[in-house]
Amino acid sequence: MAGEPNDQTPIPPSKKATIPAHMKAMSGSLGGIMEACCLQPIDVIKTRLQLDRTGAYRGIVHCGSTVCQTEGVRALWKGLTPFATHLTLKYSLRMGTNAVLQSAFKDSQTGQLSNRGRLLSGFGAGVLEALVIVTPFEVVKIRLQQQKGLSPELLKYKGPVHCARLIIREEGILGLWAGAAPTVMRNGTNQAAMFTAKNAFDVFLWKKHEGDGKVLQPWQSMISGFLAGTAGPICTGPFDVVKTRLMAQSREAGHAKYNGMVHAIKTIYAEEGLLALWKGLIPRLMRIPPGQAIMWAVADQVIGLYERRFLPNAPL
């Protein structure tokens, strides 16, 4: 019928339907499960490289092979339970919060979202996920990943629950929030850039606007997600290294090498040089962009299914 929108007729921004926050949250959680299962070994290698102060590992391949030879292949999936749980919860909170904030920042007359509003929505979602979910889960994950050895009885932490309990007993409840400041800076900046870039790539490459009913193919979502996930690790490398060092250090003896984010940056720079602040960058680039590609491939299909079924402007 004349006047009905289709694939060739763009829908005015003011008439595009809004996807509910709970659907965004669900799509993110499903994407997070898939990402965790595929990319956990890269995260273990990244953590080991960032904690290596003596040059025990000569690179990504050497680190991975050393872990396999000395601890077994399963060691590459150390910390998978907290990693998968935290990714699922993190993406759910991130996507849902971002959707709520974007709705709040949209122009009430036109329904359009400015680039500034998109950046602030992403930053806010990143800060909230860092404080509520990311920091405590990553503290447990990193403590588990830094342990070396084959005999479980010789390891200090026997599992994620035991690790969390031991940290609380020895360091207090705030021990689970070690490294919160650099985590907030890292995640806030990452999500501000990622949401803005993902939308920009969707529009530029595929002419896809949110709520227009057009559903990207999984490979298209993967390309947009991969490209959107590349800038963050480069910009936030120092925050990630400092976060890992602060989370890994134990305060049970009453003394910590690093007293906070700024002190850690200064100490690492003085003792190990400027490039040490970007340790683990390559495995981060091997993990985060592919992780975003996997997550968005799943999330966009979930959101697309909702658009096809429930949005009035979706093309048949």
Protein backbone atom coordinates (compact mmCIF):
# COMPACT_ATOMS: atom_id res chain seq x y z
CA MET A 1 0.00 0.00 0.00
CA ALA A 2 1.16 3.52 -0.71
CA GLY A 3 2.72 5.31 2.19
CA GLU A 4 3.64 2.12 4.05
CA PRO A 5 7.32 1.89 5.03
CA ASN A 6 9.46 -0.85 3.52
CA ASP A 7 13.14 -1.67 3.10
CA GLN A 8 13.56 1.19 0.62
CA THR A 9 11.53 3.80 2.49
CA PRO A 10 13.35 5.22 5.53
CA ILE A 11 11.23 5.72 8.62
CA PRO A 12 11.34 9.20 10.15
CA PRO A 13 13.14 9.21 13.52
CA SER A 14 10.06 10.47 15.33
CA LYS A 15 8.08 7.41 14.16
CA LYS A 16 10.63 4.76 14.98
CA ALA A 17 9.51 2.52 17.79
CA THR A 18 11.61 2.20 20.90
CA ILE A 19 12.92 -1.24 21.85
CA PRO A 20 12.19 -1.93 25.56
CA ALA A 21 15.11 -1.94 27.97
CA HIS A 22 14.33 -5.49 29.13
CA MET A 23 14.74 -6.78 25.57
CA LYS A 24 18.10 -5.03 25.30
CA ALA A 25 19.11 -6.57 28.64
CA MET A 26 18.07 -10.07 27.53
CA SER A 27 19.93 -9.76 24.24
CA GLY A 28 23.08 -8.68 26.06
CA SER A 29 22.98 -11.55 28.56
CA LEU A 30 22.64 -14.18 25.82
CA GLY A 31 25.49 -12.59 23.89
CA GLY A 32 27.63 -12.56 27.03
CA ILE A 33 27.23 -16.32 27.57
CA MET A 34 28.42 -17.06 24.04
CA GLU A 35 31.36 -14.65 24.32
CA ALA A 36 32.58 -16.11 27.63
CA CYS A 37 32.64 -19.68 26.37
CA CYS A 38 34.60 -18.76 23.23
CA LEU A 39 37.16 -16.31 24.57
CA GLN A 40 38.06 -17.30 28.14
CA PRO A 41 41.57 -18.62 27.19
CA ILE A 42 42.53 -15.22 25.78
CA ASP A 43 41.47 -13.55 29.01
CA VAL A 44 43.59 -15.95 31.09
CA ILE A 45 46.64 -15.25 28.90
CA LYS A 46 46.06 -11.49 29.12
CA THR A 47 45.91 -11.65 32.91
CA ARG A 48 49.07 -13.74 33.17
CA LEU A 49 50.97 -11.33 30.89
CA GLN A 50 49.82 -8.29 32.86
CA LEU A 51 50.95 -9.86 36.15
CA ASP A 52 54.33 -10.99 34.76
CA ARG A 53 57.05 -8.74 36.24
CA THR A 54 60.01 -11.03 35.60
CA GLY A 55 59.67 -11.79 31.90
CA ALA A 56 58.61 -15.41 32.46
CA TYR A 57 56.43 -15.27 29.36
CA ARG A 58 57.87 -14.24 25.99
CA GLY A 59 54.55 -13.48 24.35
CA ILE A 60 51.02 -14.73 23.79
CA VAL A 61 51.88 -18.08 22.23
CA HIS A 62 54.63 -18.82 24.75
CA CYS A 63 52.34 -17.90 27.64
CA GLY A 64 49.53 -20.11 26.37
CA SER A 65 51.82 -23.07 25.68
CA THR A 66 53.52 -22.70 29.06
CA VAL A 67 50.20 -22.73 30.87
CA CYS A 68 49.11 -25.83 28.94
CA GLN A 69 52.38 -27.67 29.57
CA THR A 70 52.70 -26.88 33.26
CA GLU A 71 49.05 -26.74 34.34
CA GLY A 72 47.06 -28.55 31.64
CA VAL A 73 44.75 -27.28 28.89
CA ARG A 74 41.90 -26.82 31.35
CA ALA A 75 43.93 -24.08 33.06
CA LEU A 76 43.13 -21.83 30.08
CA TRP A 77 39.55 -21.84 31.34
CA LYS A 78 40.46 -20.94 34.93
CA GLY A 79 37.94 -18.51 36.35
CA LEU A 80 35.33 -19.40 33.71
CA THR A 81 32.44 -19.55 36.19
CA PRO A 82 32.88 -16.00 37.55
CA PHE A 83 33.87 -14.79 34.06
CA ALA A 84 30.74 -16.19 32.37
CA THR A 85 28.47 -15.08 35.22
CA HIS A 86 29.93 -11.60 35.30
CA LEU A 87 29.72 -11.22 31.50
CA THR A 88 26.09 -12.32 31.49
CA LEU A 89 25.12 -9.95 34.28
CA LYS A 90 27.36 -7.18 32.96
CA TYR A 91 25.91 -7.18 29.45
CA SER A 92 22.39 -7.40 30.79
CA LEU A 93 22.95 -4.37 33.03
CA ARG A 94 24.94 -2.51 30.36
CA MET A 95 22.41 -2.91 27.57
CA GLY A 96 19.41 -2.27 29.81
CA THR A 97 20.92 0.80 31.49
CA ASN A 98 22.08 2.21 28.17
CA ALA A 99 18.57 1.84 26.75
CA VAL A 100 17.03 3.61 29.76
CA LEU A 101 19.56 6.45 29.61
CA GLN A 102 19.17 6.85 25.85
CA SER A 103 15.40 7.20 26.31
CA ALA A 104 16.03 9.89 28.93
CA PHE A 105 18.42 11.79 26.65
CA LYS A 106 16.22 11.66 23.54
CA ASP A 107 14.71 14.92 22.33
CA SER A 108 11.09 14.96 23.49
CA GLN A 109 9.89 16.58 20.26
CA THR A 110 11.76 14.69 17.56
CA GLY A 111 12.65 11.48 19.38
CA GLN A 112 16.22 11.82 18.14
CA LEU A 113 19.30 11.04 20.22
CA SER A 114 22.30 13.35 19.86
CA ASN A 115 25.88 12.08 19.75
CA ARG A 116 26.44 13.74 23.14
CA GLY A 117 23.44 11.89 24.57
CA ARG A 118 24.71 8.60 23.13
CA LEU A 119 28.16 9.14 24.65
CA LEU A 120 26.74 10.03 28.07
CA SER A 121 24.39 7.02 27.97
CA GLY A 122 27.28 4.69 27.21
CA PHE A 123 29.50 6.24 29.87
CA GLY A 124 26.75 6.00 32.49
CA ALA A 125 26.10 2.35 31.63
CA GLY A 126 29.83 1.61 31.89
CA VAL A 127 30.19 3.29 35.27
CA LEU A 128 27.18 1.43 36.72
CA GLU A 129 28.31 -1.97 35.46
CA ALA A 130 31.83 -1.34 36.80
CA LEU A 131 30.61 -0.60 40.32
CA VAL A 132 27.81 -3.14 40.60
CA ILE A 133 29.16 -6.16 38.72
CA VAL A 134 32.53 -5.88 37.02
CA THR A 135 34.83 -5.00 39.93
CA PRO A 136 33.90 -7.74 42.45
CA PHE A 137 33.66 -10.43 39.78
CA GLU A 138 36.98 -9.47 38.21
CA VAL A 139 38.72 -9.42 41.61
CA VAL A 140 37.68 -13.05 42.11
CA LYS A 141 38.50 -14.00 38.52
CA ILE A 142 41.98 -12.46 38.61
CA ARG A 143 42.83 -14.01 41.99
CA LEU A 144 41.90 -17.42 40.53
CA GLN A 145 43.74 -16.83 37.25
CA GLN A 146 47.00 -15.74 38.87
CA GLN A 147 47.32 -19.01 40.80
CA LYS A 148 49.87 -21.40 39.31
CA GLY A 149 50.03 -25.12 39.89
CA LEU A 150 48.30 -28.41 39.23
CA SER A 151 47.38 -29.53 42.75
CA PRO A 152 44.12 -27.97 43.96
CA GLU A 153 45.04 -28.64 47.60
CA LEU A 154 48.11 -26.41 47.23
CA LEU A 155 46.16 -23.48 45.81
CA LYS A 156 45.07 -20.72 48.17
CA TYR A 157 41.71 -20.23 46.48
CA LYS A 158 39.70 -23.42 45.83
CA GLY A 159 37.01 -21.82 43.71
CA PRO A 160 35.06 -18.59 43.14
CA VAL A 161 32.88 -18.81 46.27
CA HIS A 162 35.82 -19.82 48.48
CA CYS A 163 37.89 -17.02 46.95
CA ALA A 164 35.22 -14.38 47.65
CA ARG A 165 34.78 -15.58 51.22
CA LEU A 166 38.53 -15.58 51.87
CA ILE A 167 38.95 -12.07 50.48
CA ILE A 168 36.16 -10.77 52.69
CA ARG A 169 37.60 -12.51 55.75
CA GLU A 170 41.17 -11.33 55.18
CA GLU A 171 40.65 -7.92 53.58
CA GLY A 172 37.10 -6.91 54.40
CA ILE A 173 34.13 -6.50 52.06
CA LEU A 174 35.88 -3.63 50.26
CA GLY A 175 38.55 -6.09 49.17
CA LEU A 176 36.10 -7.21 46.48
CA TRP A 177 36.15 -3.64 45.14
CA ALA A 178 39.94 -3.35 44.82
CA GLY A 179 40.76 -1.42 41.66
CA ALA A 180 37.29 0.15 41.42
CA ALA A 181 38.58 3.58 40.26
CA PRO A 182 40.47 2.39 37.15
CA THR A 183 37.66 -0.08 36.41
CA VAL A 184 35.13 2.78 36.39
CA MET A 185 37.35 4.85 34.12
CA ARG A 186 38.01 1.91 31.80
CA ASN A 187 34.41 0.73 31.50
CA GLY A 188 32.85 4.18 31.29
CA THR A 189 35.18 5.26 28.49
CA ASN A 190 34.89 1.90 26.73
CA GLN A 191 31.10 1.88 26.64
CA ALA A 192 30.81 5.53 25.64
CA ALA A 193 33.01 4.78 22.63
CA MET A 194 31.53 1.36 21.88
CA PHE A 195 27.83 2.28 21.76
CA THR A 196 28.56 5.41 19.73
CA ALA A 197 30.83 3.56 17.29
CA LYS A 198 28.47 0.57 16.91
CA ASN A 199 25.59 2.84 15.97
CA ALA A 200 27.81 4.83 13.59
CA PHE A 201 29.08 1.70 11.83
CA ASP A 202 25.56 0.27 11.55
CA VAL A 203 24.37 3.46 9.86
CA PHE A 204 27.46 3.97 7.69
CA LEU A 205 27.95 0.39 6.53
CA TRP A 206 24.45 -1.06 6.49
CA LYS A 207 22.05 1.95 6.64
CA LYS A 208 20.59 0.42 9.80
CA HIS A 209 18.86 2.77 12.26
CA GLU A 210 17.60 1.51 15.61
CA GLY A 211 13.89 0.77 15.60
CA ASP A 212 13.54 0.88 11.79
CA GLY A 213 12.68 -2.83 11.63
CA LYS A 214 15.69 -3.73 9.51
CA VAL A 215 17.53 -6.76 10.88
CA LEU A 216 21.22 -7.12 10.19
CA GLN A 217 22.70 -10.45 9.16
CA PRO A 218 24.94 -11.98 11.86
CA TRP A 219 28.06 -11.31 9.78
CA GLN A 220 27.08 -7.63 9.45
CA SER A 221 26.60 -7.34 13.22
CA MET A 222 29.97 -9.02 13.75
CA ILE A 223 31.77 -6.54 11.50
CA SER A 224 30.17 -3.53 13.22
CA GLY A 225 30.80 -4.99 16.67
CA PHE A 226 34.41 -5.88 15.87
CA LEU A 227 35.19 -2.39 14.57
CA ALA A 228 33.42 -0.74 17.52
CA GLY A 229 35.43 -2.83 19.97
CA THR A 230 38.91 -1.86 18.71
CA ALA A 231 39.32 1.71 20.00
CA GLY A 232 38.60 1.07 23.68
CA PRO A 233 41.54 -1.25 24.51
CA ILE A 234 44.06 1.15 22.98
CA CYS A 235 42.70 4.16 24.85
CA THR A 236 42.14 2.43 28.18
CA GLY A 237 45.20 0.13 28.31
CA PRO A 238 46.79 1.82 31.38
CA PHE A 239 43.50 1.65 33.30
CA ASP A 240 43.23 -2.06 32.55
CA VAL A 241 46.81 -2.84 33.65
CA VAL A 242 46.40 -0.83 36.86
CA LYS A 243 43.03 -2.46 37.53
CA THR A 244 44.59 -5.92 37.20
CA ARG A 245 47.54 -5.08 39.48
CA LEU A 246 45.29 -3.57 42.17
CA MET A 247 42.87 -6.49 42.05
CA ALA A 248 45.62 -9.10 42.18
CA GLN A 249 47.47 -7.75 45.22
CA SER A 250 46.48 -9.17 48.58
CA ARG A 251 46.27 -6.93 51.64
CA GLU A 252 46.27 -9.72 54.24
CA ALA A 253 49.70 -8.65 55.58
CA GLY A 254 48.55 -5.08 55.98
CA HIS A 255 50.82 -3.80 53.23
CA ALA A 256 50.10 -3.26 49.54
CA LYS A 257 52.58 -2.35 46.83
CA TYR A 258 50.12 0.00 45.14
CA ASN A 259 48.12 2.50 47.18
CA GLY A 260 45.69 3.48 44.44
CA MET A 261 45.23 4.18 40.76
CA VAL A 262 47.54 7.20 40.44
CA HIS A 263 50.23 5.67 42.66
CA ALA A 264 50.09 2.44 40.64
CA ILE A 265 50.51 4.28 37.34
CA LYS A 266 53.51 6.22 38.69
CA THR A 267 55.10 3.09 40.19
CA ILE A 268 54.67 0.97 37.05
CA TYR A 269 56.05 3.76 34.89
CA ALA A 270 59.06 4.29 37.19
CA GLU A 271 59.90 0.60 37.63
CA GLU A 272 58.94 -0.94 34.28
CA GLY A 273 58.73 1.89 31.75
CA LEU A 274 55.92 3.51 29.77
CA LEU A 275 55.11 0.50 27.59
CA ALA A 276 54.39 -1.58 30.70
CA LEU A 277 51.15 0.41 31.02
CA TRP A 278 50.00 -1.31 27.82
CA LYS A 279 51.00 -4.84 28.83
CA GLY A 280 48.48 -7.36 27.59
CA LEU A 281 47.23 -5.02 24.84
CA ILE A 282 47.53 -7.61 22.05
CA PRO A 283 45.54 -10.28 23.91
CA ARG A 284 42.99 -7.58 24.81
CA LEU A 285 42.70 -6.77 21.10
CA MET A 286 42.41 -10.49 20.45
CA ARG A 287 39.62 -10.78 23.01
CA ILE A 288 37.56 -7.58 23.11
CA PRO A 289 36.84 -6.89 19.40
CA PRO A 290 36.03 -10.57 18.69
CA GLY A 291 34.03 -10.63 21.91
CA GLN A 292 32.01 -7.63 20.78
CA ALA A 293 31.54 -9.28 17.39
CA ILE A 294 30.15 -12.44 19.03
CA MET A 295 28.01 -10.52 21.52
CA TRP A 296 26.45 -8.20 18.92
CA ALA A 297 25.82 -11.07 16.48
CA VAL A 298 23.67 -12.70 19.15
CA ALA A 299 22.18 -9.48 20.58
CA ASP A 300 21.16 -8.04 17.21
CA GLN A 301 19.37 -11.28 16.28
CA VAL A 302 17.42 -11.25 19.56
CA ILE A 303 16.53 -7.58 19.11
CA GLY A 304 15.77 -8.19 15.42
CA LEU A 305 13.35 -10.98 16.32
CA TYR A 306 11.54 -8.57 18.62
CA GLU A 307 11.47 -5.87 15.93
CA ARG A 308 10.03 -8.24 13.32
CA ARG A 309 7.34 -9.51 15.68
CA PHE A 310 6.25 -6.44 17.62
CA LEU A 311 7.31 -3.19 15.95
CA PRO A 312 4.63 -1.72 13.68
CA ASN A 313 7.18 -0.34 11.23
CA ALA A 314 9.07 -3.60 10.70
CA PRO A 315 9.18 -4.73 7.06
CA LEU A 316 7.55 -8.07 6.24
